[in-house]
All heavy atoms as atom14 arrays in JSON, in Angstrom:
{
  "sequence": "IYDADGVPVGEDQTYHLEFTREIAEKFNSLYGET",
  "atom14_mask": [
    [1, 1, 1, 1, 1, 1, 1, 1, 0, 0, 0, 0, 0, 0],
    [1, 1, 1, 1, 1, 1, 1, 1, 1, 1, 1, 1, 0, 0],
    [1, 1, 1, 1, 1, 1, 1, 1, 0, 0, 0, 0, 0, 0],
    [1, 1, 1, 1, 1, 0, 0, 0, 0, 0, 0, 0, 0, 0],
    [1, 1, 1, 1, 1, 1, 1, 1, 0, 0, 0, 0, 0, 0],
    [1, 1, 1, 1, 0, 0, 0, 0, 0, 0, 0, 0, 0, 0],
    [1, 1, 1, 1, 1, 1, 1, 0, 0, 0, 0, 0, 0, 0],
    [1, 1, 1, 1, 1, 1, 1, 0, 0, 0, 0, 0, 0, 0],
    [1, 1, 1, 1, 1, 1, 1, 0, 0, 0, 0, 0, 0, 0],
    [1, 1, 1, 1, 0, 0, 0, 0, 0, 0, 0, 0, 0, 0],
    [1, 1, 1, 1, 1, 1, 1, 1, 1, 0, 0, 0, 0, 0],
    [1, 1, 1, 1, 1, 1, 1, 1, 0, 0, 0, 0, 0, 0],
    [1, 1, 1, 1, 1, 1, 1, 1, 1, 0, 0, 0, 0, 0],
    [1, 1, 1, 1, 1, 1, 1, 0, 0, 0, 0, 0, 0, 0],
    [1, 1, 1, 1, 1, 1, 1, 1, 1, 1, 1, 1, 0, 0],
    [1, 1, 1, 1, 1, 1, 1, 1, 1, 1, 0, 0, 0, 0],
    [1, 1, 1, 1, 1, 1, 1, 1, 0, 0, 0, 0, 0, 0],
    [1, 1, 1, 1, 1, 1, 1, 1, 1, 0, 0, 0, 0, 0],
    [1, 1, 1, 1, 1, 1, 1, 1, 1, 1, 1, 0, 0, 0],
    [1, 1, 1, 1, 1, 1, 1, 0, 0, 0, 0, 0, 0, 0],
    [1, 1, 1, 1, 1, 1, 1, 1, 1, 1, 1, 0, 0, 0],
    [1, 1, 1, 1, 1, 1, 1, 1, 1, 0, 0, 0, 0, 0],
    [1, 1, 1, 1, 1, 1, 1, 1, 0, 0, 0, 0, 0, 0],
    [1, 1, 1, 1, 1, 0, 0, 0, 0, 0, 0, 0, 0, 0],
    [1, 1, 1, 1, 1, 1, 1, 1, 1, 0, 0, 0, 0, 0],
    [1, 1, 1, 1, 1, 1, 1, 1, 1, 0, 0, 0, 0, 0],
    [1, 1, 1, 1, 1, 1, 1, 1, 1, 1, 1, 0, 0, 0],
    [1, 1, 1, 1, 1, 1, 1, 1, 0, 0, 0, 0, 0, 0],
    [1, 1, 1, 1, 1, 1, 0, 0, 0, 0, 0, 0, 0, 0],
    [1, 1, 1, 1, 1, 1, 1, 1, 0, 0, 0, 0, 0, 0],
    [1, 1, 1, 1, 1, 1, 1, 1, 1, 1, 1, 1, 0, 0],
    [1, 1, 1, 1, 0, 0, 0, 0, 0, 0, 0, 0, 0, 0],
    [1, 1, 1, 1, 1, 1, 1, 1, 1, 0, 0, 0, 0, 0],
    [1, 1, 1, 1, 1, 1, 1, 0, 0, 0, 0, 0, 0, 0]
  ],
  "atom14_positions": [
    [[126.87, 136.46, -3.64], [126.1, 137.43, -2.86], [124.75, 137.71, -3.48], [123.83, 138.21, -2.81], [126.91, 138.76, -2.67], [126.4, 139.51, -1.49], [126.87, 139.61, -3.96], [127.29, 140.68, -1.08], [0.0, 0.0, 0.0], [0.0, 0.0, 0.0], [0.0, 0.0, 0.0], [0.0, 0.0, 0.0], [0.0, 0.0, 0.0], [0.0, 0.0, 0.0]],
    [[124.56, 137.31, -4.77], [123.28, 137.55, -5.42], [122.5, 136.25, -5.62], [121.56, 136.23, -6.39], [123.46, 138.3, -6.76], [124.03, 139.66, -6.51], [125.35, 139.98, -6.73], [123.21, 140.65, -5.98], [125.85, 141.25, -6.48], [123.7, 141.92, -5.68], [125.0, 142.2, -5.93], [125.52, 143.43, -5.65], [0.0, 0.0, 0.0], [0.0, 0.0, 0.0]],
    [[122.93, 135.17, -5.0], [122.26, 133.86, -5.14], [122.07, 133.53, -6.62], [121.0, 133.07, -7.05], [120.87, 133.89, -4.46], [120.99, 133.83, -2.92], [122.01, 133.35, -2.43], [120.05, 134.27, -2.23], [0.0, 0.0, 0.0], [0.0, 0.0, 0.0], [0.0, 0.0, 0.0], [0.0, 0.0, 0.0], [0.0, 0.0, 0.0], [0.0, 0.0, 0.0]],
    [[123.11, 133.74, -7.42], [122.99, 133.52, -8.85], [122.82, 132.01, -9.12], [123.55, 131.16, -8.57], [124.24, 134.01, -9.56], [0.0, 0.0, 0.0], [0.0, 0.0, 0.0], [0.0, 0.0, 0.0], [0.0, 0.0, 0.0], [0.0, 0.0, 0.0], [0.0, 0.0, 0.0], [0.0, 0.0, 0.0], [0.0, 0.0, 0.0], [0.0, 0.0, 0.0]],
    [[121.84, 131.71, -9.99], [121.64, 130.34, -10.41], [122.61, 130.01, -11.52], [123.11, 128.85, -11.61], [120.21, 130.13, -10.96], [119.17, 130.31, -9.87], [119.15, 129.48, -8.95], [118.39, 131.26, -9.94], [0.0, 0.0, 0.0], [0.0, 0.0, 0.0], [0.0, 0.0, 0.0], [0.0, 0.0, 0.0], [0.0, 0.0, 0.0], [0.0, 0.0, 0.0]],
    [[122.87, 130.96, -12.39], [123.74, 130.71, -13.53], [124.63, 131.91, -13.85], [124.29, 133.05, -13.59], [0.0, 0.0, 0.0], [0.0, 0.0, 0.0], [0.0, 0.0, 0.0], [0.0, 0.0, 0.0], [0.0, 0.0, 0.0], [0.0, 0.0, 0.0], [0.0, 0.0, 0.0], [0.0, 0.0, 0.0], [0.0, 0.0, 0.0], [0.0, 0.0, 0.0]],
    [[125.81, 131.59, -14.38], [126.76, 132.61, -14.77], [127.27, 132.36, -16.18], [127.83, 131.27, -16.46], [128.0, 132.62, -13.81], [128.95, 133.76, -14.19], [127.56, 132.76, -12.37], [0.0, 0.0, 0.0], [0.0, 0.0, 0.0], [0.0, 0.0, 0.0], [0.0, 0.0, 0.0], [0.0, 0.0, 0.0], [0.0, 0.0, 0.0], [0.0, 0.0, 0.0]],
    [[126.99, 133.26, -17.13], [127.55, 133.1, -18.47], [129.06, 133.21, -18.42], [129.59, 134.21, -17.92], [126.93, 134.28, -19.27], [125.89, 134.86, -18.37], [126.25, 134.51, -17.0], [0.0, 0.0, 0.0], [0.0, 0.0, 0.0], [0.0, 0.0, 0.0], [0.0, 0.0, 0.0], [0.0, 0.0, 0.0], [0.0, 0.0, 0.0], [0.0, 0.0, 0.0]],
    [[129.74, 132.21, -18.92], [131.23, 132.19, -18.85], [131.81, 131.78, -20.18], [131.25, 131.06, -20.96], [131.72, 131.24, -17.76], [131.37, 131.72, -16.38], [131.23, 129.82, -17.98], [0.0, 0.0, 0.0], [0.0, 0.0, 0.0], [0.0, 0.0, 0.0], [0.0, 0.0, 0.0], [0.0, 0.0, 0.0], [0.0, 0.0, 0.0], [0.0, 0.0, 0.0]],
    [[133.02, 132.33, -20.41], [133.81, 131.89, -21.51], [134.86, 130.89, -21.0], [134.94, 130.61, -19.81], [0.0, 0.0, 0.0], [0.0, 0.0, 0.0], [0.0, 0.0, 0.0], [0.0, 0.0, 0.0], [0.0, 0.0, 0.0], [0.0, 0.0, 0.0], [0.0, 0.0, 0.0], [0.0, 0.0, 0.0], [0.0, 0.0, 0.0], [0.0, 0.0, 0.0]],
    [[135.65, 130.38, -21.95], [136.65, 129.38, -21.53], [137.61, 129.88, -20.5], [138.01, 129.13, -19.59], [137.43, 128.93, -22.81], [136.61, 128.18, -23.83], [137.4, 127.84, -25.07], [138.66, 128.03, -25.02], [136.82, 127.38, -26.04], [0.0, 0.0, 0.0], [0.0, 0.0, 0.0], [0.0, 0.0, 0.0], [0.0, 0.0, 0.0], [0.0, 0.0, 0.0]],
    [[137.98, 131.15, -20.57], [138.99, 131.68, -19.66], [138.45, 131.88, -18.21], [139.22, 132.09, -17.28], [139.54, 133.03, -20.15], [138.45, 134.09, -20.35], [137.29, 133.68, -20.57], [138.78, 135.27, -20.27], [0.0, 0.0, 0.0], [0.0, 0.0, 0.0], [0.0, 0.0, 0.0], [0.0, 0.0, 0.0], [0.0, 0.0, 0.0], [0.0, 0.0, 0.0]],
    [[137.12, 131.81, -18.06], [136.53, 131.99, -16.72], [136.04, 130.67, -16.09], [135.56, 130.69, -14.99], [135.38, 132.97, -16.83], [135.82, 134.39, -17.2], [134.6, 135.3, -17.37], [133.6, 134.87, -17.96], [134.7, 136.51, -16.85], [0.0, 0.0, 0.0], [0.0, 0.0, 0.0], [0.0, 0.0, 0.0], [0.0, 0.0, 0.0], [0.0, 0.0, 0.0]],
    [[136.19, 129.58, -16.81], [135.68, 128.31, -16.28], [136.3, 127.95, -14.96], [135.63, 127.51, -14.01], [135.94, 127.2, -17.31], [135.37, 127.52, -18.56], [135.32, 125.87, -16.83], [0.0, 0.0, 0.0], [0.0, 0.0, 0.0], [0.0, 0.0, 0.0], [0.0, 0.0, 0.0], [0.0, 0.0, 0.0], [0.0, 0.0, 0.0], [0.0, 0.0, 0.0]],
    [[137.6, 128.16, -14.84], [138.32, 127.81, -13.62], [137.85, 128.65, -12.43], [137.74, 128.18, -11.31], [139.81, 127.97, -13.8], [140.4, 127.11, -14.85], [140.73, 127.63, -16.1], [140.58, 125.71, -14.67], [141.28, 126.82, -17.14], [141.07, 124.91, -15.7], [141.42, 125.46, -16.9], [141.93, 124.66, -17.88], [0.0, 0.0, 0.0], [0.0, 0.0, 0.0]],
    [[137.55, 129.93, -12.69], [137.09, 130.83, -11.63], [135.71, 130.38, -11.14], [135.46, 130.42, -9.93], [137.04, 132.27, -12.16], [138.39, 132.86, -12.45], [139.23, 133.23, -11.45], [139.03, 133.1, -13.62], [140.37, 133.73, -12.0], [140.23, 133.64, -13.29], [0.0, 0.0, 0.0], [0.0, 0.0, 0.0], [0.0, 0.0, 0.0], [0.0, 0.0, 0.0]],
    [[134.86, 129.98, -12.03], [133.5, 129.6, -11.61], [133.59, 128.26, -10.81], [132.87, 128.06, -9.83], [132.58, 129.43, -12.79], [131.12, 129.15, -12.35], [130.59, 130.28, -11.5], [130.22, 128.96, -13.6], [0.0, 0.0, 0.0], [0.0, 0.0, 0.0], [0.0, 0.0, 0.0], [0.0, 0.0, 0.0], [0.0, 0.0, 0.0], [0.0, 0.0, 0.0]],
    [[134.47, 127.38, -11.24], [134.63, 126.09, -10.49], [135.16, 126.4, -9.07], [134.72, 125.8, -8.11], [135.61, 125.2, -11.24], [135.74, 123.82, -10.62], [134.42, 123.09, -10.47], [133.53, 123.24, -11.35], [134.22, 122.4, -9.44], [0.0, 0.0, 0.0], [0.0, 0.0, 0.0], [0.0, 0.0, 0.0], [0.0, 0.0, 0.0], [0.0, 0.0, 0.0]],
    [[136.04, 127.39, -8.96], [136.54, 127.79, -7.63], [135.37, 128.39, -6.81], [135.27, 128.11, -5.63], [137.63, 128.83, -7.77], [138.12, 129.35, -6.44], [139.01, 128.68, -5.68], [137.61, 130.57, -5.95], [139.45, 129.16, -4.43], [138.0, 131.06, -4.72], [138.92, 130.34, -3.98], [0.0, 0.0, 0.0], [0.0, 0.0, 0.0], [0.0, 0.0, 0.0]],
    [[134.5, 129.14, -7.5], [133.35, 129.71, -6.77], [132.46, 128.59, -6.19], [131.99, 128.65, -5.06], [132.51, 130.57, -7.74], [133.31, 131.69, -8.16], [131.26, 131.09, -7.06], [0.0, 0.0, 0.0], [0.0, 0.0, 0.0], [0.0, 0.0, 0.0], [0.0, 0.0, 0.0], [0.0, 0.0, 0.0], [0.0, 0.0, 0.0], [0.0, 0.0, 0.0]],
    [[132.23, 127.59, -6.99], [131.41, 126.43, -6.56], [132.07, 125.72, -5.37], [131.46, 125.39, -4.38], [131.2, 125.48, -7.7], [130.26, 125.99, -8.8], [130.28, 125.09, -10.03], [129.93, 123.71, -9.71], [128.71, 123.26, -9.56], [127.67, 124.05, -9.74], [128.47, 121.99, -9.3], [0.0, 0.0, 0.0], [0.0, 0.0, 0.0], [0.0, 0.0, 0.0]],
    [[133.39, 125.56, -5.48], [134.13, 124.86, -4.39], [134.09, 125.61, -3.09], [133.86, 125.04, -2.03], [135.59, 124.69, -4.79], [135.84, 123.69, -5.9], [137.27, 123.65, -6.37], [138.11, 124.24, -5.65], [137.57, 123.06, -7.41], [0.0, 0.0, 0.0], [0.0, 0.0, 0.0], [0.0, 0.0, 0.0], [0.0, 0.0, 0.0], [0.0, 0.0, 0.0]],
    [[134.28, 126.94, -3.17], [134.33, 127.71, -1.91], [132.92, 127.84, -1.29], [132.81, 127.87, -0.07], [134.99, 129.11, -2.14], [135.53, 129.62, -0.78], [134.04, 130.08, -2.77], [136.47, 130.8, -0.94], [0.0, 0.0, 0.0], [0.0, 0.0, 0.0], [0.0, 0.0, 0.0], [0.0, 0.0, 0.0], [0.0, 0.0, 0.0], [0.0, 0.0, 0.0]],
    [[131.92, 127.85, -2.15], [130.51, 127.87, -1.61], [130.18, 126.56, -0.96], [129.58, 126.54, 0.15], [129.54, 128.16, -2.74], [0.0, 0.0, 0.0], [0.0, 0.0, 0.0], [0.0, 0.0, 0.0], [0.0, 0.0, 0.0], [0.0, 0.0, 0.0], [0.0, 0.0, 0.0], [0.0, 0.0, 0.0], [0.0, 0.0, 0.0], [0.0, 0.0, 0.0]],
    [[130.6, 125.48, -1.55], [130.37, 124.15, -0.94], [131.15, 123.99, 0.37], [130.63, 123.43, 1.34], [130.77, 123.05, -1.94], [129.84, 122.94, -3.12], [130.34, 122.05, -4.22], [131.53, 121.68, -4.18], [129.58, 121.77, -5.17], [0.0, 0.0, 0.0], [0.0, 0.0, 0.0], [0.0, 0.0, 0.0], [0.0, 0.0, 0.0], [0.0, 0.0, 0.0]],
    [[132.36, 124.54, 0.44], [133.15, 124.51, 1.66], [132.47, 125.29, 2.76], [132.37, 124.86, 3.9], [134.55, 124.99, 1.41], [135.47, 124.88, 2.62], [136.91, 125.26, 2.31], [137.83, 125.07, 3.49], [139.25, 125.42, 3.19], [0.0, 0.0, 0.0], [0.0, 0.0, 0.0], [0.0, 0.0, 0.0], [0.0, 0.0, 0.0], [0.0, 0.0, 0.0]],
    [[132.0, 126.5, 2.41], [131.3, 127.32, 3.38], [130.08, 126.58, 3.9], [129.84, 126.58, 5.14], [130.87, 128.65, 2.73], [130.3, 129.66, 3.71], [131.08, 130.66, 4.25], [128.96, 129.6, 4.07], [130.57, 131.56, 5.16], [128.41, 130.51, 4.97], [129.2, 131.49, 5.51], [0.0, 0.0, 0.0], [0.0, 0.0, 0.0], [0.0, 0.0, 0.0]],
    [[129.31, 126.02, 3.01], [128.08, 125.31, 3.4], [128.39, 124.11, 4.28], [127.6, 123.8, 5.24], [127.27, 124.89, 2.17], [126.64, 126.06, 1.45], [126.57, 127.16, 1.97], [126.18, 125.84, 0.25], [0.0, 0.0, 0.0], [0.0, 0.0, 0.0], [0.0, 0.0, 0.0], [0.0, 0.0, 0.0], [0.0, 0.0, 0.0], [0.0, 0.0, 0.0]],
    [[129.5, 123.42, 4.0], [129.84, 122.25, 4.83], [130.28, 122.65, 6.21], [130.07, 121.91, 7.19], [130.95, 121.43, 4.15], [132.17, 122.15, 4.18], [0.0, 0.0, 0.0], [0.0, 0.0, 0.0], [0.0, 0.0, 0.0], [0.0, 0.0, 0.0], [0.0, 0.0, 0.0], [0.0, 0.0, 0.0], [0.0, 0.0, 0.0], [0.0, 0.0, 0.0]],
    [[130.86, 123.84, 6.36], [131.31, 124.34, 7.63], [130.15, 124.94, 8.45], [130.09, 124.76, 9.67], [132.41, 125.36, 7.43], [133.77, 124.86, 6.97], [134.67, 126.03, 6.59], [134.44, 124.01, 8.07], [0.0, 0.0, 0.0], [0.0, 0.0, 0.0], [0.0, 0.0, 0.0], [0.0, 0.0, 0.0], [0.0, 0.0, 0.0], [0.0, 0.0, 0.0]],
    [[129.3, 125.7, 7.81], [128.36, 126.53, 8.53], [126.87, 126.26, 8.22], [126.01, 126.96, 8.67], [128.65, 128.02, 8.24], [130.09, 128.4, 8.46], [130.9, 128.78, 7.43], [130.64, 128.36, 9.73], [132.25, 129.11, 7.61], [131.97, 128.67, 9.98], [132.76, 129.06, 8.93], [134.07, 129.42, 9.11], [0.0, 0.0, 0.0], [0.0, 0.0, 0.0]],
    [[126.6, 125.23, 7.41], [125.23, 124.95, 7.04], [124.89, 125.53, 5.69], [125.57, 126.42, 5.15], [0.0, 0.0, 0.0], [0.0, 0.0, 0.0], [0.0, 0.0, 0.0], [0.0, 0.0, 0.0], [0.0, 0.0, 0.0], [0.0, 0.0, 0.0], [0.0, 0.0, 0.0], [0.0, 0.0, 0.0], [0.0, 0.0, 0.0], [0.0, 0.0, 0.0]],
    [[123.82, 125.04, 5.11], [123.4, 125.45, 3.78], [123.04, 126.93, 3.75], [121.94, 127.32, 4.2], [122.23, 124.6, 3.28], [122.61, 123.14, 3.03], [123.63, 122.97, 1.94], [123.51, 123.67, 0.91], [124.52, 122.14, 2.11], [0.0, 0.0, 0.0], [0.0, 0.0, 0.0], [0.0, 0.0, 0.0], [0.0, 0.0, 0.0], [0.0, 0.0, 0.0]],
    [[123.94, 127.75, 3.21], [123.75, 129.19, 3.24], [123.87, 129.81, 1.85], [123.12, 130.71, 1.46], [124.83, 129.85, 4.15], [124.8, 129.21, 5.42], [124.61, 131.33, 4.3], [0.0, 0.0, 0.0], [0.0, 0.0, 0.0], [0.0, 0.0, 0.0], [0.0, 0.0, 0.0], [0.0, 0.0, 0.0], [0.0, 0.0, 0.0], [0.0, 0.0, 0.0]]
  ]
}
C-alpha cells in the first residue's frame, strides 16, 4: 500500500516477503500493472 521499493528483513521474514512479491505479481497479471 506504500509502494515500498525495499523492506529490511531478517531470516524469519524472508518467506513473508516472497509471498508479498508473489501476490503482487498475481494481482498485476490479473488486473494490470498496479
